[in-house]
Structures are given as structure tokens and as C-alpha cells.
Amino acid sequence: MKIDIIGAVGSGKTTLSRRIAEEFHIPCYEQDNIVWMRTRDGDVRRSDSEREKMFMDILTSKNWVIEGSPRKYLKKRYDYCDYIIFLDTTSFIRLYRILRRWIRQRTGKESYNTNPTLKFLWMNIKWHHEFNNDRKQLISELLQCGLRYKKFKTANGAINFCCNTYYIK
């Protein structure tokens, strides 16, 4: 099973990918952790060659779930996956989740990779709007993937699809 989950910041990609990975007992990867090396002193961008090797090691393995926003240089993952799940939650829900996550991280109720500063909140809102502007182009690209492309408004719809597709009855 090779599942690629994409969507905007706040769409629920990480939660969905973890649920699928847990349900099917397969590894789960966050795209940001492929691009960035997490250190005590902050995030350090991996070199192109290091990122490429790590990414190809994952893509050529037997089973995986990868989640992340669609980045141009990581779109080759579409060629390796069984299904591309686009988690297309509404703009209002995503904005609510962005703010809720930021508050939970600031108050120590949720862990984080990047320090939840006001600047980081602003960047998330900016990425949210950029995704809205690029959404039609993304869908056009995903349609080129044929039947491997699946769009869901909710994580439960995607979970049901995976369970119905991969469980042998």
C-alpha cells in the first residue's frame, strides 16, 4: 500500500495519514520532515541530494503513507503511489484549525516542529490563501493521474475508501 495524502495547511493531512498508517501498520512520513532536519537549534533544510536520497528510499519501499502540501520538486511521488488522496476541506475549517493548532501549541497542549510565533501563524494563513489561489491548477494536475486520484472533503471518507480498497473480504 502506497498512499499519498495532499492538501492545504490545516486540512487534516497529518491526522489522516497517521490514522491510515496505524490502521494498516505501515510507515507514515511527513513531507516536511523529508525536507527539513529537525534539530534542537531549529530546522535545517536538507541538501538536495540528501532530500532526494531519503525521498527515493521511501518511495521505493513496499508500503508507506506520505502527507504534505504539493511541492513542485516532490511531485514525482505521484508516479510511485497507488492512490493520491486530496483532502479538500473547506477554507473556513482550515482557518479554524490553523488558529486552534497555533493556540494549542502556544499553550503547551500540542507539540510542534516550528516555534508557534505570530510570524509562523501569519505564514500559515498566507499558505492557506496561496493554496486557495492554486487549487484549480492542482486539481487539473491531479486529474492527469486518472483513477489513482481521489478527492475527499473529510478524513472519514478517505478512511472508508482505504478500508474498502485494501481489506480483503
N, C-alpha and C. Protein backbone atom coordinates (compact mmCIF):
# COMPACT_ATOMS: atom_id res chain seq x y z
N MET A 1 0.84 -1.17 0.00
CA MET A 1 0.00 0.00 0.00
C MET A 1 0.90 1.24 0.00
N LYS A 2 0.66 2.10 -0.97
CA LYS A 2 1.39 3.35 -1.08
C LYS A 2 0.37 4.47 -1.30
N ILE A 3 0.21 5.30 -0.26
CA ILE A 3 -0.82 6.34 -0.27
C ILE A 3 -0.15 7.70 -0.11
N ASP A 4 -0.50 8.62 -0.98
CA ASP A 4 -0.02 9.99 -0.92
C ASP A 4 -1.19 10.88 -0.52
N ILE A 5 -1.08 11.58 0.57
CA ILE A 5 -2.15 12.45 1.05
C ILE A 5 -1.68 13.89 0.91
N ILE A 6 -2.45 14.66 0.14
CA ILE A 6 -2.08 16.06 -0.07
C ILE A 6 -3.25 16.96 0.31
N GLY A 7 -2.94 18.19 0.57
CA GLY A 7 -3.95 19.18 0.90
C GLY A 7 -3.27 20.41 1.48
N ALA A 8 -4.09 21.38 1.78
CA ALA A 8 -3.59 22.64 2.33
C ALA A 8 -3.24 22.50 3.80
N VAL A 9 -2.52 23.49 4.31
CA VAL A 9 -2.25 23.55 5.74
C VAL A 9 -3.60 23.60 6.46
N GLY A 10 -3.73 22.77 7.50
CA GLY A 10 -4.97 22.73 8.27
C GLY A 10 -6.05 21.84 7.71
N SER A 11 -5.75 21.11 6.64
CA SER A 11 -6.78 20.26 6.04
C SER A 11 -6.98 18.95 6.78
N GLY A 12 -6.01 18.54 7.59
CA GLY A 12 -6.12 17.28 8.33
C GLY A 12 -5.24 16.18 7.77
N LYS A 13 -4.26 16.54 6.95
CA LYS A 13 -3.39 15.54 6.31
C LYS A 13 -2.64 14.69 7.32
N THR A 14 -2.03 15.32 8.30
CA THR A 14 -1.20 14.59 9.26
C THR A 14 -2.06 13.63 10.08
N THR A 15 -3.18 14.10 10.55
CA THR A 15 -4.07 13.24 11.33
C THR A 15 -4.56 12.06 10.49
N LEU A 16 -4.97 12.33 9.27
CA LEU A 16 -5.43 11.26 8.38
C LEU A 16 -4.32 10.26 8.08
N SER A 17 -3.13 10.75 7.77
CA SER A 17 -2.03 9.84 7.43
C SER A 17 -1.68 8.95 8.61
N ARG A 18 -1.69 9.51 9.80
CA ARG A 18 -1.40 8.71 10.99
C ARG A 18 -2.48 7.66 11.23
N ARG A 19 -3.73 8.02 11.00
CA ARG A 19 -4.82 7.04 11.17
C ARG A 19 -4.69 5.89 10.19
N ILE A 20 -4.38 6.20 8.93
CA ILE A 20 -4.22 5.15 7.92
C ILE A 20 -3.01 4.28 8.26
N ALA A 21 -1.91 4.91 8.62
CA ALA A 21 -0.70 4.14 8.96
C ALA A 21 -0.96 3.21 10.14
N GLU A 22 -1.67 3.71 11.13
CA GLU A 22 -1.97 2.89 12.31
C GLU A 22 -2.92 1.74 11.94
N GLU A 23 -3.93 2.04 11.16
CA GLU A 23 -4.91 1.03 10.76
C GLU A 23 -4.27 -0.12 9.98
N PHE A 24 -3.32 0.23 9.11
CA PHE A 24 -2.72 -0.78 8.23
C PHE A 24 -1.30 -1.18 8.64
N HIS A 25 -0.82 -0.63 9.75
CA HIS A 25 0.50 -0.99 10.28
C HIS A 25 1.61 -0.76 9.25
N ILE A 26 1.61 0.45 8.69
CA ILE A 26 2.63 0.81 7.71
C ILE A 26 3.29 2.12 8.13
N PRO A 27 4.49 2.40 7.62
CA PRO A 27 5.17 3.65 7.99
C PRO A 27 4.47 4.89 7.45
N CYS A 28 4.58 5.95 8.22
CA CYS A 28 3.98 7.23 7.87
C CYS A 28 5.08 8.29 7.84
N TYR A 29 5.07 9.11 6.80
CA TYR A 29 6.10 10.14 6.65
C TYR A 29 5.45 11.49 6.42
N GLU A 30 5.97 12.49 7.12
CA GLU A 30 5.55 13.86 6.88
C GLU A 30 6.55 14.47 5.90
N GLN A 31 6.03 15.03 4.83
CA GLN A 31 6.88 15.63 3.80
C GLN A 31 7.83 16.66 4.39
N ASP A 32 7.35 17.45 5.34
CA ASP A 32 8.21 18.48 5.96
C ASP A 32 9.44 17.87 6.62
N ASN A 33 9.30 16.66 7.16
CA ASN A 33 10.44 16.01 7.82
C ASN A 33 11.41 15.39 6.81
N ILE A 34 11.01 15.33 5.56
CA ILE A 34 11.92 14.91 4.49
C ILE A 34 12.72 16.14 4.02
N VAL A 35 12.05 17.26 3.96
CA VAL A 35 12.69 18.50 3.50
C VAL A 35 13.57 19.09 4.61
N TRP A 36 13.11 19.02 5.86
CA TRP A 36 13.79 19.67 6.97
C TRP A 36 14.33 18.65 7.96
N MET A 37 15.54 18.88 8.42
CA MET A 37 16.11 18.10 9.50
C MET A 37 15.80 18.88 10.78
N ARG A 38 15.12 18.22 11.70
CA ARG A 38 14.73 18.86 12.96
C ARG A 38 15.90 18.78 13.94
N THR A 39 16.33 19.92 14.45
CA THR A 39 17.42 19.96 15.42
C THR A 39 16.97 20.79 16.63
N ARG A 40 17.71 20.68 17.70
CA ARG A 40 17.42 21.48 18.90
C ARG A 40 17.49 22.97 18.62
N ASP A 41 18.37 23.34 17.71
CA ASP A 41 18.57 24.76 17.40
C ASP A 41 17.63 25.27 16.31
N GLY A 42 16.73 24.43 15.86
CA GLY A 42 15.80 24.83 14.82
C GLY A 42 15.92 23.94 13.59
N ASP A 43 15.07 24.17 12.63
CA ASP A 43 15.04 23.37 11.41
C ASP A 43 16.19 23.75 10.48
N VAL A 44 16.78 22.72 9.87
CA VAL A 44 17.84 22.91 8.90
C VAL A 44 17.39 22.22 7.61
N ARG A 45 17.40 22.98 6.53
CA ARG A 45 16.97 22.42 5.24
C ARG A 45 18.00 21.39 4.77
N ARG A 46 17.51 20.21 4.41
CA ARG A 46 18.40 19.17 3.90
C ARG A 46 18.93 19.58 2.53
N SER A 47 20.11 19.09 2.18
CA SER A 47 20.65 19.35 0.84
C SER A 47 19.76 18.64 -0.18
N ASP A 48 19.82 19.10 -1.42
CA ASP A 48 19.02 18.47 -2.47
C ASP A 48 19.33 16.99 -2.58
N SER A 49 20.60 16.62 -2.52
CA SER A 49 20.97 15.21 -2.68
C SER A 49 20.51 14.39 -1.48
N GLU A 50 20.63 14.93 -0.28
CA GLU A 50 20.19 14.22 0.92
C GLU A 50 18.66 14.02 0.89
N ARG A 51 17.95 15.08 0.55
CA ARG A 51 16.48 15.01 0.45
C ARG A 51 16.06 14.00 -0.62
N GLU A 52 16.72 14.05 -1.75
CA GLU A 52 16.39 13.14 -2.86
C GLU A 52 16.61 11.68 -2.48
N LYS A 53 17.73 11.39 -1.83
CA LYS A 53 18.01 10.01 -1.42
C LYS A 53 16.98 9.52 -0.41
N MET A 54 16.72 10.35 0.59
CA MET A 54 15.73 9.97 1.61
C MET A 54 14.37 9.74 0.98
N PHE A 55 13.98 10.63 0.09
CA PHE A 55 12.69 10.56 -0.58
C PHE A 55 12.59 9.29 -1.44
N MET A 56 13.63 9.00 -2.21
CA MET A 56 13.60 7.81 -3.07
C MET A 56 13.63 6.52 -2.25
N ASP A 57 14.32 6.50 -1.13
CA ASP A 57 14.30 5.33 -0.25
C ASP A 57 12.89 5.04 0.23
N ILE A 58 12.15 6.08 0.54
CA ILE A 58 10.76 5.91 0.97
C ILE A 58 9.90 5.45 -0.19
N LEU A 59 9.99 6.15 -1.32
CA LEU A 59 9.13 5.85 -2.47
C LEU A 59 9.31 4.43 -3.00
N THR A 60 10.52 3.91 -2.92
CA THR A 60 10.78 2.57 -3.47
C THR A 60 10.57 1.46 -2.44
N SER A 61 10.18 1.83 -1.22
CA SER A 61 9.87 0.80 -0.22
C SER A 61 8.48 0.23 -0.49
N LYS A 62 8.16 -0.85 0.20
CA LYS A 62 6.94 -1.62 -0.11
C LYS A 62 5.65 -0.89 0.28
N ASN A 63 5.61 -0.33 1.47
CA ASN A 63 4.39 0.31 1.98
C ASN A 63 4.73 1.64 2.62
N TRP A 64 3.85 2.62 2.43
CA TRP A 64 4.02 3.91 3.06
C TRP A 64 2.78 4.78 2.90
N VAL A 65 2.72 5.76 3.79
CA VAL A 65 1.79 6.88 3.65
C VAL A 65 2.66 8.12 3.77
N ILE A 66 2.54 9.01 2.80
CA ILE A 66 3.24 10.30 2.83
C ILE A 66 2.19 11.39 2.83
N GLU A 67 2.40 12.38 3.66
CA GLU A 67 1.48 13.51 3.65
C GLU A 67 2.25 14.80 3.47
N GLY A 68 1.60 15.75 2.81
CA GLY A 68 2.21 17.06 2.66
C GLY A 68 1.49 17.92 1.65
N SER A 69 1.87 19.16 1.63
CA SER A 69 1.36 20.07 0.61
C SER A 69 2.07 19.76 -0.69
N PRO A 70 1.40 19.97 -1.80
CA PRO A 70 2.04 19.65 -3.09
C PRO A 70 3.18 20.60 -3.41
N ARG A 71 4.41 20.12 -3.30
CA ARG A 71 5.59 20.90 -3.66
C ARG A 71 6.07 20.42 -5.02
N LYS A 72 6.46 21.34 -5.84
CA LYS A 72 6.85 21.00 -7.22
C LYS A 72 7.92 19.93 -7.28
N TYR A 73 8.96 20.04 -6.46
CA TYR A 73 10.08 19.10 -6.58
C TYR A 73 9.80 17.76 -5.92
N LEU A 74 8.67 17.60 -5.26
CA LEU A 74 8.34 16.30 -4.67
C LEU A 74 7.15 15.62 -5.36
N LYS A 75 6.73 16.16 -6.49
CA LYS A 75 5.57 15.60 -7.17
C LYS A 75 5.85 14.26 -7.85
N LYS A 76 7.11 13.86 -7.93
CA LYS A 76 7.41 12.55 -8.51
C LYS A 76 6.78 11.43 -7.69
N ARG A 77 6.40 11.74 -6.45
CA ARG A 77 5.76 10.72 -5.62
C ARG A 77 4.47 10.22 -6.26
N TYR A 78 3.83 11.05 -7.08
CA TYR A 78 2.61 10.62 -7.76
C TYR A 78 2.86 9.38 -8.62
N ASP A 79 4.07 9.25 -9.16
CA ASP A 79 4.39 8.12 -10.02
C ASP A 79 4.56 6.82 -9.24
N TYR A 80 4.76 6.89 -7.94
CA TYR A 80 5.06 5.72 -7.14
C TYR A 80 3.88 5.23 -6.30
N CYS A 81 2.85 6.04 -6.14
CA CYS A 81 1.79 5.68 -5.20
C CYS A 81 0.65 4.92 -5.89
N ASP A 82 -0.07 4.18 -5.06
CA ASP A 82 -1.29 3.51 -5.54
C ASP A 82 -2.41 4.53 -5.69
N TYR A 83 -2.52 5.41 -4.69
CA TYR A 83 -3.58 6.42 -4.69
C TYR A 83 -3.06 7.74 -4.17
N ILE A 84 -3.60 8.81 -4.73
CA ILE A 84 -3.33 10.17 -4.27
C ILE A 84 -4.64 10.66 -3.67
N ILE A 85 -4.63 10.88 -2.39
CA ILE A 85 -5.83 11.37 -1.71
C ILE A 85 -5.67 12.86 -1.49
N PHE A 86 -6.58 13.61 -2.11
CA PHE A 86 -6.61 15.06 -1.92
C PHE A 86 -7.66 15.35 -0.85
N LEU A 87 -7.21 15.79 0.30
CA LEU A 87 -8.10 16.14 1.39
C LEU A 87 -8.50 17.60 1.20
N ASP A 88 -9.69 17.80 0.66
CA ASP A 88 -10.16 19.11 0.21
C ASP A 88 -11.19 19.68 1.18
N THR A 89 -10.74 19.99 2.38
CA THR A 89 -11.64 20.56 3.39
C THR A 89 -11.91 22.03 3.07
N THR A 90 -12.97 22.54 3.63
CA THR A 90 -13.37 23.92 3.33
C THR A 90 -12.36 24.92 3.90
N SER A 91 -12.36 26.07 3.30
CA SER A 91 -11.46 27.15 3.72
C SER A 91 -11.72 27.54 5.17
N PHE A 92 -12.97 27.64 5.57
CA PHE A 92 -13.30 28.02 6.94
C PHE A 92 -12.75 27.02 7.94
N ILE A 93 -12.93 25.73 7.67
CA ILE A 93 -12.43 24.69 8.58
C ILE A 93 -10.91 24.77 8.68
N ARG A 94 -10.23 24.96 7.56
CA ARG A 94 -8.77 25.04 7.59
C ARG A 94 -8.28 26.24 8.41
N LEU A 95 -8.92 27.39 8.23
CA LEU A 95 -8.53 28.57 9.00
C LEU A 95 -8.77 28.34 10.49
N TYR A 96 -9.91 27.74 10.82
CA TYR A 96 -10.21 27.44 12.22
C TYR A 96 -9.13 26.51 12.80
N ARG A 97 -8.75 25.46 12.06
CA ARG A 97 -7.74 24.52 12.54
C ARG A 97 -6.36 25.17 12.69
N ILE A 98 -6.03 26.06 11.77
CA ILE A 98 -4.75 26.76 11.85
C ILE A 98 -4.69 27.56 13.15
N LEU A 99 -5.73 28.30 13.43
CA LEU A 99 -5.77 29.12 14.64
C LEU A 99 -5.81 28.24 15.89
N ARG A 100 -6.64 27.21 15.89
CA ARG A 100 -6.74 26.31 17.05
C ARG A 100 -5.40 25.63 17.32
N ARG A 101 -4.73 25.14 16.27
CA ARG A 101 -3.43 24.49 16.44
C ARG A 101 -2.42 25.46 17.03
N TRP A 102 -2.39 26.68 16.51
CA TRP A 102 -1.44 27.68 16.99
C TRP A 102 -1.68 27.97 18.48
N ILE A 103 -2.93 28.13 18.88
CA ILE A 103 -3.25 28.39 20.29
C ILE A 103 -2.85 27.20 21.15
N ARG A 104 -3.16 25.99 20.71
CA ARG A 104 -2.80 24.79 21.47
C ARG A 104 -1.29 24.65 21.60
N GLN A 105 -0.57 24.98 20.54
CA GLN A 105 0.89 24.90 20.61
C GLN A 105 1.45 25.98 21.53
N ARG A 106 0.93 27.17 21.45
CA ARG A 106 1.40 28.28 22.31
C ARG A 106 1.16 28.00 23.78
N THR A 107 0.09 27.26 24.08
CA THR A 107 -0.25 26.97 25.47
C THR A 107 0.32 25.63 25.94
N GLY A 108 1.11 24.97 25.11
CA GLY A 108 1.76 23.73 25.50
C GLY A 108 0.86 22.51 25.46
N LYS A 109 -0.30 22.61 24.85
CA LYS A 109 -1.24 21.48 24.78
C LYS A 109 -1.02 20.61 23.55
N GLU A 110 -0.17 21.06 22.65
CA GLU A 110 0.12 20.31 21.42
C GLU A 110 1.60 20.52 21.09
N SER A 111 2.25 19.44 20.66
CA SER A 111 3.66 19.56 20.29
C SER A 111 3.79 20.25 18.93
N TYR A 112 4.99 20.68 18.62
CA TYR A 112 5.22 21.36 17.35
C TYR A 112 6.65 21.15 16.88
N ASN A 113 6.83 21.29 15.57
CA ASN A 113 8.16 21.26 14.99
C ASN A 113 8.73 22.66 14.87
N THR A 114 7.88 23.62 14.55
CA THR A 114 8.30 25.00 14.37
C THR A 114 7.68 25.84 15.48
N ASN A 115 8.49 26.68 16.11
CA ASN A 115 8.03 27.52 17.21
C ASN A 115 6.79 28.32 16.80
N PRO A 116 5.69 28.22 17.55
CA PRO A 116 4.45 28.89 17.16
C PRO A 116 4.45 30.39 17.47
N THR A 117 5.21 31.11 16.71
CA THR A 117 5.28 32.56 16.87
C THR A 117 4.14 33.21 16.08
N LEU A 118 3.93 34.49 16.30
CA LEU A 118 2.94 35.22 15.49
C LEU A 118 3.33 35.19 14.01
N LYS A 119 4.63 35.29 13.75
CA LYS A 119 5.10 35.23 12.37
C LYS A 119 4.74 33.89 11.73
N PHE A 120 4.88 32.80 12.49
CA PHE A 120 4.54 31.49 11.94
C PHE A 120 3.03 31.36 11.71
N LEU A 121 2.22 31.91 12.60
CA LEU A 121 0.77 31.93 12.39
C LEU A 121 0.45 32.67 11.09
N TRP A 122 1.09 33.82 10.90
CA TRP A 122 0.87 34.61 9.68
C TRP A 122 1.28 33.81 8.44
N MET A 123 2.39 33.08 8.52
CA MET A 123 2.84 32.27 7.37
C MET A 123 1.81 31.19 7.04
N ASN A 124 1.25 30.56 8.07
CA ASN A 124 0.23 29.53 7.83
C ASN A 124 -1.00 30.12 7.15
N ILE A 125 -1.41 31.30 7.57
CA ILE A 125 -2.56 31.96 6.94
C ILE A 125 -2.22 32.33 5.50
N LYS A 126 -0.99 32.79 5.28
CA LYS A 126 -0.53 33.11 3.92
C LYS A 126 -0.56 31.86 3.04
N TRP A 127 -0.04 30.73 3.56
CA TRP A 127 -0.03 29.48 2.79
C TRP A 127 -1.46 29.01 2.50
N HIS A 128 -2.35 29.24 3.44
CA HIS A 128 -3.76 28.90 3.26
C HIS A 128 -4.32 29.64 2.04
N HIS A 129 -4.07 30.94 1.98
CA HIS A 129 -4.57 31.74 0.86
C HIS A 129 -3.89 31.37 -0.46
N GLU A 130 -2.60 31.10 -0.42
CA GLU A 130 -1.90 30.69 -1.64
C GLU A 130 -2.47 29.38 -2.17
N PHE A 131 -2.77 28.46 -1.27
CA PHE A 131 -3.37 27.19 -1.69
C PHE A 131 -4.71 27.44 -2.37
N ASN A 132 -5.53 28.31 -1.78
CA ASN A 132 -6.82 28.62 -2.40
C ASN A 132 -6.64 29.15 -3.82
N ASN A 133 -5.62 29.98 -4.01
CA ASN A 133 -5.36 30.54 -5.34
C ASN A 133 -4.87 29.49 -6.33
N ASP A 134 -4.14 28.48 -5.82
CA ASP A 134 -3.54 27.45 -6.68
C ASP A 134 -4.39 26.19 -6.81
N ARG A 135 -5.52 26.13 -6.12
CA ARG A 135 -6.33 24.92 -6.03
C ARG A 135 -6.78 24.39 -7.39
N LYS A 136 -7.28 25.24 -8.25
CA LYS A 136 -7.77 24.79 -9.56
C LYS A 136 -6.64 24.18 -10.39
N GLN A 137 -5.48 24.79 -10.36
CA GLN A 137 -4.32 24.25 -11.09
C GLN A 137 -3.93 22.89 -10.54
N LEU A 138 -3.94 22.75 -9.22
CA LEU A 138 -3.62 21.47 -8.59
C LEU A 138 -4.60 20.39 -9.02
N ILE A 139 -5.87 20.69 -8.98
CA ILE A 139 -6.87 19.69 -9.38
C ILE A 139 -6.68 19.30 -10.83
N SER A 140 -6.36 20.25 -11.67
CA SER A 140 -6.09 19.96 -13.08
C SER A 140 -4.92 18.98 -13.21
N GLU A 141 -3.86 19.19 -12.44
CA GLU A 141 -2.71 18.28 -12.44
C GLU A 141 -3.09 16.90 -11.92
N LEU A 142 -3.87 16.87 -10.85
CA LEU A 142 -4.25 15.59 -10.25
C LEU A 142 -5.16 14.78 -11.18
N LEU A 143 -5.97 15.44 -11.95
CA LEU A 143 -6.84 14.73 -12.89
C LEU A 143 -6.03 13.94 -13.91
N GLN A 144 -4.80 14.37 -14.16
CA GLN A 144 -3.92 13.65 -15.08
C GLN A 144 -3.51 12.29 -14.52
N CYS A 145 -3.70 12.08 -13.24
CA CYS A 145 -3.32 10.81 -12.59
C CYS A 145 -4.42 9.76 -12.73
N GLY A 146 -5.51 10.12 -13.36
CA GLY A 146 -6.58 9.16 -13.63
C GLY A 146 -7.25 8.63 -12.37
N LEU A 147 -7.50 7.34 -12.36
CA LEU A 147 -8.26 6.73 -11.27
C LEU A 147 -7.50 6.67 -9.95
N ARG A 148 -6.21 6.94 -9.98
CA ARG A 148 -5.44 6.95 -8.73
C ARG A 148 -5.75 8.19 -7.89
N TYR A 149 -6.30 9.22 -8.50
CA TYR A 149 -6.63 10.46 -7.81
C TYR A 149 -8.01 10.33 -7.16
N LYS A 150 -8.06 10.59 -5.86
CA LYS A 150 -9.32 10.55 -5.11
C LYS A 150 -9.42 11.83 -4.28
N LYS A 151 -10.57 12.47 -4.32
CA LYS A 151 -10.78 13.71 -3.57
C LYS A 151 -11.84 13.46 -2.50
N PHE A 152 -11.53 13.90 -1.28
CA PHE A 152 -12.46 13.75 -0.17
C PHE A 152 -12.56 15.06 0.60
N LYS A 153 -13.75 15.36 1.07
CA LYS A 153 -13.98 16.55 1.89
C LYS A 153 -13.67 16.27 3.35
N THR A 154 -13.73 14.98 3.74
CA THR A 154 -13.50 14.63 5.14
C THR A 154 -12.51 13.47 5.23
N ALA A 155 -11.86 13.38 6.37
CA ALA A 155 -10.93 12.28 6.62
C ALA A 155 -11.68 10.96 6.68
N ASN A 156 -12.89 10.96 7.22
CA ASN A 156 -13.66 9.71 7.32
C ASN A 156 -13.95 9.11 5.94
N GLY A 157 -14.22 9.96 4.97
CA GLY A 157 -14.43 9.46 3.61
C GLY A 157 -13.18 8.78 3.08
N ALA A 158 -12.03 9.37 3.35
CA ALA A 158 -10.76 8.78 2.89
C ALA A 158 -10.46 7.47 3.63
N ILE A 159 -10.72 7.44 4.93
CA ILE A 159 -10.51 6.21 5.72
C ILE A 159 -11.41 5.10 5.17
N ASN A 160 -12.67 5.40 4.94
CA ASN A 160 -13.60 4.40 4.40
C ASN A 160 -13.12 3.88 3.05
N PHE A 161 -12.63 4.78 2.20
CA PHE A 161 -12.11 4.36 0.90
C PHE A 161 -10.94 3.39 1.08
N CYS A 162 -9.99 3.73 1.93
CA CYS A 162 -8.82 2.87 2.15
C CYS A 162 -9.24 1.51 2.71
N CYS A 163 -10.13 1.53 3.68
CA CYS A 163 -10.57 0.27 4.28
C CYS A 163 -11.28 -0.61 3.24
N ASN A 164 -12.14 -0.01 2.44
CA ASN A 164 -12.86 -0.77 1.42
C ASN A 164 -11.93 -1.24 0.30
N THR A 165 -10.87 -0.50 0.04
CA THR A 165 -9.96 -0.84 -1.06
C THR A 165 -8.95 -1.90 -0.64
N TYR A 166 -8.45 -1.83 0.57
CA TYR A 166 -7.32 -2.67 0.96
C TYR A 166 -7.67 -3.87 1.84
N TYR A 167 -8.84 -3.87 2.42
CA TYR A 167 -9.21 -5.04 3.21
C TYR A 167 -9.77 -6.11 2.29
N ILE A 168 -9.25 -7.32 2.43
CA ILE A 168 -9.77 -8.44 1.64
C ILE A 168 -10.92 -9.03 2.42
N LYS A 169 -12.06 -9.11 1.78
CA LYS A 169 -13.26 -9.59 2.49
C LYS A 169 -13.52 -11.04 2.19
